[in-house]
Amino acid sequence: MLTKEEIQHIAGLARISLHEKEIEKYQKDLSGILDYFTELQKLDTESVEAIGHITGMRNVFRQDKSSDFGSIGKEEILKNAPETKGGYVKVKSVL
């Protein structure tokens, strides 16, 4: 069972204030949760295969390669920009 001091420390880390009744309630509730984890650690999981994702979906990556649009492609892209300067898209300064 967690002590009152441990509950107050956890509440301090969470930046919440607790009344005396709440401390007693959380003492019981949090201790129950930690006891459940102790029970879970007793289970034999040697034959259980680890999974990375519950649905079994995998991420599909595309090849990372550049495409040269040439001068015609660059001009077409720059036509869509609201403002250009020296062949580049002009944007407002960030800092």
PDB file of N, CA and C in Angstrom:
ATOM      1  N   MET A   1       0.853  -1.182   0.000  1.00  0.00           N
ATOM      2  CA  MET A   1       0.000   0.000   0.000  1.00  0.00           C
ATOM      3  C   MET A   1       0.894   1.239   0.000  1.00  0.00           C
ATOM      4  N   LEU A   2       0.563   2.169  -0.872  1.00  0.00           N
ATOM      5  CA  LEU A   2       1.313   3.417  -0.939  1.00  0.00           C
ATOM      6  C   LEU A   2       1.068   4.247   0.315  1.00  0.00           C
ATOM      7  N   THR A   3       2.084   4.962   0.730  1.00  0.00           N
ATOM      8  CA  THR A   3       1.946   5.813   1.913  1.00  0.00           C
ATOM      9  C   THR A   3       1.342   7.156   1.515  1.00  0.00           C
ATOM     10  N   LYS A   4       0.898   7.908   2.516  1.00  0.00           N
ATOM     11  CA  LYS A   4       0.347   9.239   2.256  1.00  0.00           C
ATOM     12  C   LYS A   4       1.402  10.147   1.637  1.00  0.00           C
ATOM     13  N   GLU A   5       2.632   9.988   2.095  1.00  0.00           N
ATOM     14  CA  GLU A   5       3.720  10.817   1.569  1.00  0.00           C
ATOM     15  C   GLU A   5       3.957  10.517   0.085  1.00  0.00           C
ATOM     16  N   GLU A   6       3.864   9.239  -0.301  1.00  0.00           N
ATOM     17  CA  GLU A   6       4.045   8.883  -1.699  1.00  0.00           C
ATOM     18  C   GLU A   6       2.915   9.455  -2.557  1.00  0.00           C
ATOM     19  N   ILE A   7       1.695   9.401  -2.055  1.00  0.00           N
ATOM     20  CA  ILE A   7       0.558   9.970  -2.785  1.00  0.00           C
ATOM     21  C   ILE A   7       0.723  11.474  -2.931  1.00  0.00           C
ATOM     22  N   GLN A   8       1.155  12.144  -1.883  1.00  0.00           N
ATOM     23  CA  GLN A   8       1.366  13.589  -1.946  1.00  0.00           C
ATOM     24  C   GLN A   8       2.491  13.928  -2.922  1.00  0.00           C
ATOM     25  N   HIS A   9       3.522  13.083  -2.951  1.00  0.00           N
ATOM     26  CA  HIS A   9       4.619  13.307  -3.890  1.00  0.00           C
ATOM     27  C   HIS A   9       4.127  13.157  -5.329  1.00  0.00           C
ATOM     28  N   ILE A  10       3.340  12.123  -5.601  1.00  0.00           N
ATOM     29  CA  ILE A  10       2.787  11.903  -6.943  1.00  0.00           C
ATOM     30  C   ILE A  10       1.872  13.070  -7.324  1.00  0.00           C
ATOM     31  N   ALA A  11       1.064  13.539  -6.387  1.00  0.00           N
ATOM     32  CA  ALA A  11       0.182  14.683  -6.649  1.00  0.00           C
ATOM     33  C   ALA A  11       1.009  15.935  -6.946  1.00  0.00           C
ATOM     34  N   GLY A  12       2.113  16.093  -6.238  1.00  0.00           N
ATOM     35  CA  GLY A  12       2.992  17.230  -6.501  1.00  0.00           C
ATOM     36  C   GLY A  12       3.597  17.166  -7.897  1.00  0.00           C
ATOM     37  N   LEU A  13       3.982  15.964  -8.332  1.00  0.00           N
ATOM     38  CA  LEU A  13       4.527  15.796  -9.682  1.00  0.00           C
ATOM     39  C   LEU A  13       3.476  16.102 -10.741  1.00  0.00           C
ATOM     40  N   ALA A  14       2.214  15.747 -10.430  1.00  0.00           N
ATOM     41  CA  ALA A  14       1.112  16.002 -11.358  1.00  0.00           C
ATOM     42  C   ALA A  14       0.581  17.429 -11.233  1.00  0.00           C
ATOM     43  N   ARG A  15       1.115  18.187 -10.302  1.00  0.00           N
ATOM     44  CA  ARG A  15       0.702  19.582 -10.062  1.00  0.00           C
ATOM     45  C   ARG A  15      -0.774  19.682  -9.695  1.00  0.00           C
ATOM     46  N   ILE A  16      -1.228  18.766  -8.818  1.00  0.00           N
ATOM     47  CA  ILE A  16      -2.603  18.828  -8.324  1.00  0.00           C
ATOM     48  C   ILE A  16      -2.577  18.840  -6.800  1.00  0.00           C
ATOM     49  N   SER A  17      -3.567  19.458  -6.220  1.00  0.00           N
ATOM     50  CA  SER A  17      -3.669  19.462  -4.766  1.00  0.00           C
ATOM     51  C   SER A  17      -4.758  18.470  -4.357  1.00  0.00           C
ATOM     52  N   LEU A  18      -4.533  17.803  -3.238  1.00  0.00           N
ATOM     53  CA  LEU A  18      -5.474  16.799  -2.767  1.00  0.00           C
ATOM     54  C   LEU A  18      -5.895  17.102  -1.332  1.00  0.00           C
ATOM     55  N   HIS A  19      -7.161  16.829  -1.032  1.00  0.00           N
ATOM     56  CA  HIS A  19      -7.658  16.910   0.336  1.00  0.00           C
ATOM     57  C   HIS A  19      -7.400  15.571   1.015  1.00  0.00           C
ATOM     58  N   GLU A  20      -7.558  15.532   2.302  1.00  0.00           N
ATOM     59  CA  GLU A  20      -7.269  14.324   3.080  1.00  0.00           C
ATOM     60  C   GLU A  20      -8.085  13.120   2.597  1.00  0.00           C
ATOM     61  N   LYS A  21      -9.375  13.338   2.301  1.00  0.00           N
ATOM     62  CA  LYS A  21     -10.212  12.236   1.822  1.00  0.00           C
ATOM     63  C   LYS A  21      -9.727  11.720   0.468  1.00  0.00           C
ATOM     64  N   GLU A  22      -9.291  12.644  -0.375  1.00  0.00           N
ATOM     65  CA  GLU A  22      -8.788  12.255  -1.690  1.00  0.00           C
ATOM     66  C   GLU A  22      -7.497  11.456  -1.569  1.00  0.00           C
ATOM     67  N   ILE A  23      -6.660  11.839  -0.636  1.00  0.00           N
ATOM     68  CA  ILE A  23      -5.404  11.108  -0.417  1.00  0.00           C
ATOM     69  C   ILE A  23      -5.708   9.659  -0.053  1.00  0.00           C
ATOM     70  N   GLU A  24      -6.654   9.457   0.840  1.00  0.00           N
ATOM     71  CA  GLU A  24      -7.020   8.095   1.249  1.00  0.00           C
ATOM     72  C   GLU A  24      -7.597   7.312   0.071  1.00  0.00           C
ATOM     73  N   LYS A  25      -8.422   7.977  -0.743  1.00  0.00           N
ATOM     74  CA  LYS A  25      -9.012   7.314  -1.909  1.00  0.00           C
ATOM     75  C   LYS A  25      -7.930   6.903  -2.906  1.00  0.00           C
ATOM     76  N   TYR A  26      -7.023   7.828  -3.202  1.00  0.00           N
ATOM     77  CA  TYR A  26      -5.957   7.525  -4.152  1.00  0.00           C
ATOM     78  C   TYR A  26      -4.976   6.497  -3.597  1.00  0.00           C
ATOM     79  N   GLN A  27      -4.801   6.488  -2.294  1.00  0.00           N
ATOM     80  CA  GLN A  27      -3.952   5.471  -1.684  1.00  0.00           C
ATOM     81  C   GLN A  27      -4.477   4.080  -2.040  1.00  0.00           C
ATOM     82  N   LYS A  28      -5.766   3.900  -1.877  1.00  0.00           N
ATOM     83  CA  LYS A  28      -6.392   2.616  -2.161  1.00  0.00           C
ATOM     84  C   LYS A  28      -6.392   2.320  -3.667  1.00  0.00           C
ATOM     85  N   ASP A  29      -6.808   3.308  -4.485  1.00  0.00           N
ATOM     86  CA  ASP A  29      -6.935   3.102  -5.927  1.00  0.00           C
ATOM     87  C   ASP A  29      -5.585   2.844  -6.596  1.00  0.00           C
ATOM     88  N   LEU A  30      -4.600   3.690  -6.317  1.00  0.00           N
ATOM     89  CA  LEU A  30      -3.291   3.528  -6.948  1.00  0.00           C
ATOM     90  C   LEU A  30      -2.590   2.260  -6.473  1.00  0.00           C
ATOM     91  N   SER A  31      -2.768   1.910  -5.220  1.00  0.00           N
ATOM     92  CA  SER A  31      -2.181   0.665  -4.721  1.00  0.00           C
ATOM     93  C   SER A  31      -2.800  -0.531  -5.431  1.00  0.00           C
ATOM     94  N   GLY A  32      -4.101  -0.473  -5.684  1.00  0.00           N
ATOM     95  CA  GLY A  32      -4.774  -1.545  -6.410  1.00  0.00           C
ATOM     96  C   GLY A  32      -4.242  -1.697  -7.826  1.00  0.00           C
ATOM     97  N   ILE A  33      -3.988  -0.589  -8.472  1.00  0.00           N
ATOM     98  CA  ILE A  33      -3.451  -0.616  -9.830  1.00  0.00           C
ATOM     99  C   ILE A  33      -2.053  -1.231  -9.834  1.00  0.00           C
ATOM    100  N   LEU A  34      -1.225  -0.814  -8.896  1.00  0.00           N
ATOM    101  CA  LEU A  34       0.137  -1.356  -8.828  1.00  0.00           C
ATOM    102  C   LEU A  34       0.123  -2.836  -8.471  1.00  0.00           C
ATOM    103  N   ASP A  35      -0.807  -3.257  -7.620  1.00  0.00           N
ATOM    104  CA  ASP A  35      -0.940  -4.676  -7.285  1.00  0.00           C
ATOM    105  C   ASP A  35      -1.322  -5.482  -8.525  1.00  0.00           C
ATOM    106  N   TYR A  36      -2.146  -4.910  -9.382  1.00  0.00           N
ATOM    107  CA  TYR A  36      -2.553  -5.601 -10.604  1.00  0.00           C
ATOM    108  C   TYR A  36      -1.344  -5.814 -11.517  1.00  0.00           C
ATOM    109  N   PHE A  37      -0.451  -4.823 -11.605  1.00  0.00           N
ATOM    110  CA  PHE A  37       0.759  -4.987 -12.411  1.00  0.00           C
ATOM    111  C   PHE A  37       1.645  -6.089 -11.849  1.00  0.00           C
ATOM    112  N   THR A  38       1.681  -6.218 -10.529  1.00  0.00           N
ATOM    113  CA  THR A  38       2.438  -7.303  -9.902  1.00  0.00           C
ATOM    114  C   THR A  38       1.862  -8.652 -10.321  1.00  0.00           C
ATOM    115  N   GLU A  39       0.544  -8.748 -10.393  1.00  0.00           N
ATOM    116  CA  GLU A  39      -0.101  -9.985 -10.846  1.00  0.00           C
ATOM    117  C   GLU A  39       0.253 -10.267 -12.305  1.00  0.00           C
ATOM    118  N   LEU A  40       0.266  -9.233 -13.135  1.00  0.00           N
ATOM    119  CA  LEU A  40       0.589  -9.415 -14.545  1.00  0.00           C
ATOM    120  C   LEU A  40       2.021  -9.904 -14.745  1.00  0.00           C
ATOM    121  N   GLN A  41       2.931  -9.470 -13.879  1.00  0.00           N
ATOM    122  CA  GLN A  41       4.326  -9.895 -13.994  1.00  0.00           C
ATOM    123  C   GLN A  41       4.493 -11.380 -13.698  1.00  0.00           C
ATOM    124  N   LYS A  42       3.558 -11.990 -13.020  1.00  0.00           N
ATOM    125  CA  LYS A  42       3.632 -13.407 -12.688  1.00  0.00           C
ATOM    126  C   LYS A  42       3.258 -14.299 -13.867  1.00  0.00           C
ATOM    127  N   LEU A  43       2.630 -13.720 -14.904  1.00  0.00           N
ATOM    128  CA  LEU A  43       2.189 -14.505 -16.050  1.00  0.00           C
ATOM    129  C   LEU A  43       3.378 -14.980 -16.888  1.00  0.00           C
ATOM    130  N   ASP A  44       3.269 -16.193 -17.427  1.00  0.00           N
ATOM    131  CA  ASP A  44       4.294 -16.743 -18.297  1.00  0.00           C
ATOM    132  C   ASP A  44       4.048 -16.248 -19.718  1.00  0.00           C
ATOM    133  N   THR A  45       4.940 -15.399 -20.216  1.00  0.00           N
ATOM    134  CA  THR A  45       4.782 -14.831 -21.553  1.00  0.00           C
ATOM    135  C   THR A  45       5.896 -15.282 -22.496  1.00  0.00           C
ATOM    136  N   GLU A  46       6.614 -16.333 -22.140  1.00  0.00           N
ATOM    137  CA  GLU A  46       7.721 -16.808 -22.968  1.00  0.00           C
ATOM    138  C   GLU A  46       7.261 -17.239 -24.356  1.00  0.00           C
ATOM    139  N   SER A  47       6.109 -17.850 -24.470  1.00  0.00           N
ATOM    140  CA  SER A  47       5.648 -18.366 -25.768  1.00  0.00           C
ATOM    141  C   SER A  47       4.787 -17.365 -26.534  1.00  0.00           C
ATOM    142  N   VAL A  48       4.623 -16.161 -26.004  1.00  0.00           N
ATOM    143  CA  VAL A  48       3.809 -15.140 -26.665  1.00  0.00           C
ATOM    144  C   VAL A  48       4.703 -14.325 -27.592  1.00  0.00           C
ATOM    145  N   GLU A  49       4.293 -14.250 -28.870  1.00  0.00           N
ATOM    146  CA  GLU A  49       5.077 -13.494 -29.838  1.00  0.00           C
ATOM    147  C   GLU A  49       4.803 -12.001 -29.684  1.00  0.00           C
ATOM    148  N   ALA A  50       5.858 -11.232 -29.651  1.00  0.00           N
ATOM    149  CA  ALA A  50       5.715  -9.781 -29.525  1.00  0.00           C
ATOM    150  C   ALA A  50       5.156  -9.210 -30.820  1.00  0.00           C
ATOM    151  N   ILE A  51       4.287  -8.198 -30.700  1.00  0.00           N
ATOM    152  CA  ILE A  51       3.731  -7.538 -31.867  1.00  0.00           C
ATOM    153  C   ILE A  51       4.037  -6.054 -31.791  1.00  0.00           C
ATOM    154  N   GLY A  52       4.204  -5.458 -32.942  1.00  0.00           N
ATOM    155  CA  GLY A  52       4.482  -4.031 -32.988  1.00  0.00           C
ATOM    156  C   GLY A  52       3.226  -3.195 -33.080  1.00  0.00           C
ATOM    157  N   HIS A  53       2.176  -3.796 -33.644  1.00  0.00           N
ATOM    158  CA  HIS A  53       0.932  -3.057 -33.826  1.00  0.00           C
ATOM    159  C   HIS A  53      -0.217  -4.050 -33.749  1.00  0.00           C
ATOM    160  N   ILE A  54      -1.270  -3.689 -33.096  1.00  0.00           N
ATOM    161  CA  ILE A  54      -2.370  -4.607 -32.838  1.00  0.00           C
ATOM    162  C   ILE A  54      -3.084  -5.047 -34.110  1.00  0.00           C
ATOM    163  N   THR A  55      -3.106  -4.205 -35.147  1.00  0.00           N
ATOM    164  CA  THR A  55      -3.820  -4.565 -36.379  1.00  0.00           C
ATOM    165  C   THR A  55      -2.951  -5.342 -37.344  1.00  0.00           C
ATOM    166  N   GLY A  56      -1.645  -5.366 -37.114  1.00  0.00           N
ATOM    167  CA  GLY A  56      -0.750  -6.063 -38.018  1.00  0.00           C
ATOM    168  C   GLY A  56      -0.394  -5.263 -39.258  1.00  0.00           C
ATOM    169  N   MET A  57      -0.836  -4.018 -39.328  1.00  0.00           N
ATOM    170  CA  MET A  57      -0.523  -3.177 -40.484  1.00  0.00           C
ATOM    171  C   MET A  57       0.960  -2.809 -40.475  1.00  0.00           C
ATOM    172  N   ARG A  58       1.510  -2.654 -41.647  1.00  0.00           N
ATOM    173  CA  ARG A  58       2.908  -2.268 -41.770  1.00  0.00           C
ATOM    174  C   ARG A  58       2.989  -0.981 -42.587  1.00  0.00           C
ATOM    175  N   ASN A  59       3.987  -0.181 -42.284  1.00  0.00           N
ATOM    176  CA  ASN A  59       4.190   1.056 -43.004  1.00  0.00           C
ATOM    177  C   ASN A  59       4.876   0.750 -44.329  1.00  0.00           C
ATOM    178  N   VAL A  60       4.420   1.369 -45.387  1.00  0.00           N
ATOM    179  CA  VAL A  60       5.005   1.159 -46.704  1.00  0.00           C
ATOM    180  C   VAL A  60       5.752   2.434 -47.078  1.00  0.00           C
ATOM    181  N   PHE A  61       7.023   2.270 -47.373  1.00  0.00           N
ATOM    182  CA  PHE A  61       7.845   3.421 -47.717  1.00  0.00           C
ATOM    183  C   PHE A  61       8.089   3.453 -49.219  1.00  0.00           C
ATOM    184  N   ARG A  62       8.154   4.631 -49.768  1.00  0.00           N
ATOM    185  CA  ARG A  62       8.499   4.770 -51.173  1.00  0.00           C
ATOM    186  C   ARG A  62       9.989   5.078 -51.273  1.00  0.00           C
ATOM    187  N   GLN A  63      10.527   4.904 -52.446  1.00  0.00           N
ATOM    188  CA  GLN A  63      11.927   5.226 -52.666  1.00  0.00           C
ATOM    189  C   GLN A  63      12.118   6.726 -52.481  1.00  0.00           C
ATOM    190  N   ASP A  64      13.181   7.110 -51.842  1.00  0.00           N
ATOM    191  CA  ASP A  64      13.489   8.520 -51.625  1.00  0.00           C
ATOM    192  C   ASP A  64      14.390   8.982 -52.760  1.00  0.00           C
ATOM    193  N   LYS A  65      13.784   9.544 -53.800  1.00  0.00           N
ATOM    194  CA  LYS A  65      14.565  10.005 -54.935  1.00  0.00           C
ATOM    195  C   LYS A  65      14.061  11.371 -55.371  1.00  0.00           C
ATOM    196  N   SER A  66      14.952  12.153 -55.918  1.00  0.00           N
ATOM    197  CA  SER A  66      14.584  13.498 -56.356  1.00  0.00           C
ATOM    198  C   SER A  66      14.130  13.469 -57.803  1.00  0.00           C
ATOM    199  N   SER A  67      13.332  14.436 -58.158  1.00  0.00           N
ATOM    200  CA  SER A  67      12.860  14.573 -59.537  1.00  0.00           C
ATOM    201  C   SER A  67      13.241  15.954 -60.034  1.00  0.00           C
ATOM    202  N   ASP A  68      13.833  16.006 -61.205  1.00  0.00           N
ATOM    203  CA  ASP A  68      14.216  17.287 -61.783  1.00  0.00           C
ATOM    204  C   ASP A  68      13.093  17.758 -62.697  1.00  0.00           C
ATOM    205  N   PHE A  69      12.497  18.893 -62.362  1.00  0.00           N
ATOM    206  CA  PHE A  69      11.406  19.423 -63.174  1.00  0.00           C
ATOM    207  C   PHE A  69      11.913  20.206 -64.378  1.00  0.00           C
ATOM    208  N   GLY A  70      13.184  20.495 -64.394  1.00  0.00           N
ATOM    209  CA  GLY A  70      13.734  21.284 -65.492  1.00  0.00           C
ATOM    210  C   GLY A  70      13.261  22.730 -65.418  1.00  0.00           C
ATOM    211  N   SER A  71      13.651  23.523 -66.373  1.00  0.00           N
ATOM    212  CA  SER A  71      13.300  24.945 -66.334  1.00  0.00           C
ATOM    213  C   SER A  71      11.815  25.167 -66.581  1.00  0.00           C
ATOM    214  N   ILE A  72      11.181  24.353 -67.432  1.00  0.00           N
ATOM    215  CA  ILE A  72       9.742  24.524 -67.701  1.00  0.00           C
ATOM    216  C   ILE A  72       8.940  24.201 -66.441  1.00  0.00           C
ATOM    217  N   GLY A  73       9.268  23.128 -65.753  1.00  0.00           N
ATOM    218  CA  GLY A  73       8.558  22.754 -64.540  1.00  0.00           C
ATOM    219  C   GLY A  73       8.733  23.781 -63.444  1.00  0.00           C
ATOM    220  N   LYS A  74       9.939  24.299 -63.302  1.00  0.00           N
ATOM    221  CA  LYS A  74      10.204  25.299 -62.269  1.00  0.00           C
ATOM    222  C   LYS A  74       9.387  26.566 -62.522  1.00  0.00           C
ATOM    223  N   GLU A  75       9.313  26.973 -63.757  1.00  0.00           N
ATOM    224  CA  GLU A  75       8.534  28.172 -64.086  1.00  0.00           C
ATOM    225  C   GLU A  75       7.060  27.974 -63.777  1.00  0.00           C
ATOM    226  N   GLU A  76       6.539  26.792 -64.069  1.00  0.00           N
ATOM    227  CA  GLU A  76       5.132  26.496 -63.791  1.00  0.00           C
ATOM    228  C   GLU A  76       4.861  26.514 -62.284  1.00  0.00           C
ATOM    229  N   ILE A  77       5.785  25.989 -61.525  1.00  0.00           N
ATOM    230  CA  ILE A  77       5.624  25.975 -60.069  1.00  0.00           C
ATOM    231  C   ILE A  77       5.661  27.399 -59.525  1.00  0.00           C
ATOM    232  N   LEU A  78       6.600  28.210 -60.012  1.00  0.00           N
ATOM    233  CA  LEU A  78       6.731  29.581 -59.518  1.00  0.00           C
ATOM    234  C   LEU A  78       5.535  30.448 -59.889  1.00  0.00           C
ATOM    235  N   LYS A  79       4.783  30.084 -60.932  1.00  0.00           N
ATOM    236  CA  LYS A  79       3.574  30.837 -61.303  1.00  0.00           C
ATOM    237  C   LYS A  79       2.525  30.752 -60.189  1.00  0.00           C
ATOM    238  N   ASN A  80       2.524  29.652 -59.433  1.00  0.00           N
ATOM    239  CA  ASN A  80       1.542  29.457 -58.363  1.00  0.00           C
ATOM    240  C   ASN A  80       1.893  30.209 -57.083  1.00  0.00           C
ATOM    241  N   ALA A  81       3.115  30.667 -56.956  1.00  0.00           N
ATOM    242  CA  ALA A  81       3.545  31.362 -55.745  1.00  0.00           C
ATOM    243  C   ALA A  81       3.041  32.800 -55.761  1.00  0.00           C
ATOM    244  N   PRO A  82       2.593  33.302 -54.603  1.00  0.00           N
ATOM    245  CA  PRO A  82       2.103  34.683 -54.587  1.00  0.00           C
ATOM    246  C   PRO A  82       3.197  35.705 -54.851  1.00  0.00           C
ATOM    247  N   GLU A  83       4.451  35.381 -54.490  1.00  0.00           N
ATOM    248  CA  GLU A  83       5.546  36.330 -54.681  1.00  0.00           C
ATOM    249  C   GLU A  83       6.843  35.553 -54.919  1.00  0.00           C
ATOM    250  N   THR A  84       7.645  35.975 -55.880  1.00  0.00           N
ATOM    251  CA  THR A  84       8.923  35.322 -56.163  1.00  0.00           C
ATOM    252  C   THR A  84      10.026  36.362 -56.198  1.00  0.00           C
ATOM    253  N   LYS A  85      11.271  35.868 -56.031  1.00  0.00           N
ATOM    254  CA  LYS A  85      12.422  36.756 -56.111  1.00  0.00           C
ATOM    255  C   LYS A  85      13.629  35.918 -56.511  1.00  0.00           C
ATOM    256  N   GLY A  86      14.246  36.261 -57.610  1.00  0.00           N
ATOM    257  CA  GLY A  86      15.448  35.569 -58.053  1.00  0.00           C
ATOM    258  C   GLY A  86      15.229  34.097 -58.358  1.00  0.00           C
ATOM    259  N   GLY A  87      14.054  33.730 -58.824  1.00  0.00           N
ATOM    260  CA  GLY A  87      13.779  32.344 -59.176  1.00  0.00           C
ATOM    261  C   GLY A  87      13.380  31.478 -57.990  1.00  0.00           C
ATOM    262  N   TYR A  88      13.086  32.103 -56.862  1.00  0.00           N
ATOM    263  CA  TYR A  88      12.674  31.375 -55.659  1.00  0.00           C
ATOM    264  C   TYR A  88      11.353  31.933 -55.148  1.00  0.00           C
ATOM    265  N   VAL A  89      10.651  31.142 -54.336  1.00  0.00           N
ATOM    266  CA  VAL A  89       9.420  31.605 -53.707  1.00  0.00           C
ATOM    267  C   VAL A  89       9.813  32.516 -52.555  1.00  0.00           C
ATOM    268  N   LYS A  90       9.242  33.724 -52.527  1.00  0.00           N
ATOM    269  CA  LYS A  90       9.547  34.670 -51.461  1.00  0.00           C
ATOM    270  C   LYS A  90       8.526  34.498 -50.344  1.00  0.00           C
ATOM    271  N   VAL A  91       9.015  34.350 -49.117  1.00  0.00           N
ATOM    272  CA  VAL A  91       8.136  34.193 -47.963  1.00  0.00           C
ATOM    273  C   VAL A  91       8.503  35.240 -46.915  1.00  0.00           C
ATOM    274  N   LYS A  92       7.582  35.449 -45.969  1.00  0.00           N
ATOM    275  CA  LYS A  92       7.873  36.387 -44.880  1.00  0.00           C
ATOM    276  C   LYS A  92       8.915  35.783 -43.965  1.00  0.00           C
ATOM    277  N   SER A  93       9.692  36.640 -43.335  1.00  0.00           N
ATOM    278  CA  SER A  93      10.733  36.133 -42.432  1.00  0.00           C
ATOM    279  C   SER A  93      10.074  35.466 -41.224  1.00  0.00           C
ATOM    280  N   VAL A  94      10.710  34.422 -40.752  1.00  0.00           N
ATOM    281  CA  VAL A  94      10.164  33.640 -39.667  1.00  0.00           C
ATOM    282  C   VAL A  94      10.522  34.231 -38.315  1.00  0.00           C
ATOM    283  N   LEU A  95      11.729  34.697 -38.185  1.00  0.00           N
ATOM    284  CA  LEU A  95      12.163  35.254 -36.890  1.00  0.00           C
ATOM    285  C   LEU A  95      12.222  36.747 -36.902  1.00  0.00           C
TER     286      LEU A  95
END
